[in-house]
Protein backbone atom coordinates (compact mmCIF):
# COMPACT_ATOMS: atom_id res chain seq x y z
CA MET A 1 2.93 -0.37 -33.05
CA MET A 2 3.52 -1.28 -29.21
CA THR A 3 1.09 -0.83 -26.82
CA GLU A 4 1.57 -0.74 -23.20
CA SER A 5 -0.81 -1.93 -20.81
CA TYR A 6 -1.30 -0.93 -17.58
CA LYS A 7 -2.60 -2.39 -14.54
CA GLN A 8 -4.60 -0.07 -11.72
CA GLN A 9 -2.83 -0.50 -8.33
CA TYR A 10 -3.27 1.37 -5.07
CA ALA A 11 -0.27 1.61 -2.87
CA TYR A 12 -0.74 2.08 1.27
CA LEU A 13 2.04 2.86 3.78
CA CYS A 14 1.49 0.84 7.19
CA LEU A 15 1.53 2.96 10.14
CA MET A 16 1.69 0.88 13.06
CA ARG A 17 2.87 -2.49 12.40
CA PRO A 18 5.09 -3.87 9.09
CA PRO A 19 1.97 -5.47 6.73
CA ALA A 20 2.06 -8.83 8.20
CA PRO A 21 -1.28 -11.38 8.04
CA GLY A 22 -4.24 -9.87 10.27
CA ALA A 23 -2.36 -6.64 10.15
CA ILE A 24 -3.93 -5.34 6.52
CA PRO A 25 -7.13 -6.31 4.62
CA ARG A 26 -6.23 -9.37 2.13
CA GLU A 27 -8.73 -8.94 -0.06
CA GLY A 28 -7.33 -7.63 -3.45
CA LEU A 29 -3.44 -7.76 -2.42
CA ASP A 30 -0.99 -7.89 -5.01
CA SER A 31 2.30 -6.78 -2.59
CA VAL A 32 4.12 -6.30 0.28
CA ASP A 33 7.41 -5.11 1.19
CA PHE A 34 8.97 -4.50 4.87
CA LYS A 35 11.12 -1.53 4.11
CA GLU A 36 10.69 1.24 6.80
CA GLY A 37 10.78 4.87 6.10
CA ARG A 38 8.95 8.13 6.31
CA SER A 39 6.08 9.44 4.51
CA LEU A 40 5.80 12.99 3.07
CA SER A 41 3.12 13.36 5.66
CA GLY A 42 5.58 13.06 8.47
CA HIS A 43 4.96 9.47 9.60
CA HIS A 44 7.20 6.40 10.36
CA TYR A 45 5.78 3.74 8.20
CA TRP A 46 6.70 -0.33 8.91
CA GLY A 47 6.19 -0.89 4.93
CA HIS A 48 3.32 -0.61 2.30
CA ALA A 49 0.89 -3.21 0.58
CA ILE A 50 -0.52 -2.72 -2.43
CA TYR A 51 -3.60 -3.78 -3.83
CA ASN A 52 -5.70 -4.01 -7.22
CA ARG A 53 -8.64 -2.20 -5.72
CA GLU A 54 -9.03 1.28 -3.79
CA LEU A 55 -9.33 -0.01 -0.25
CA THR A 56 -12.00 1.82 1.96
CA GLU A 57 -12.13 4.35 4.12
CA ASP A 58 -12.58 2.04 7.01
CA GLU A 59 -10.24 -0.03 5.64
CA ILE A 60 -7.84 2.56 6.35
CA LYS A 61 -8.85 3.90 9.71
CA HIS A 62 -9.23 0.09 11.22
CA TYR A 63 -5.66 -1.20 9.77
CA ASP A 64 -3.86 2.35 10.55
CA LEU A 65 -3.27 3.29 6.45
CA GLU A 66 -2.05 6.09 4.60
CA LYS A 67 -2.84 6.11 0.82
CA THR A 68 0.38 7.17 -0.93
CA THR A 69 2.08 6.77 -4.70
CA LEU A 70 4.75 4.70 -5.51
CA VAL A 71 6.37 4.72 -8.58
CA VAL A 72 7.71 1.50 -10.23
CA LEU A 73 9.86 1.33 -12.98
CA ASP A 74 10.47 -1.33 -15.13
């Protein structure tokens, strides 16, 4: 029997600047992507950051982030 394991991840769009050092929280950071786009809420974003933890509302507000859902296909 094949079992699959899933790692919980949390994705956030960077609304004001690219996801560079100092522009996003470091704790729990798994990866970043610098691809620009437009969110479902209509905001332009400069990239996204993926974390292994959920960010606090204060972190989201302080770093001008927007929580999102990313679909990753293997």
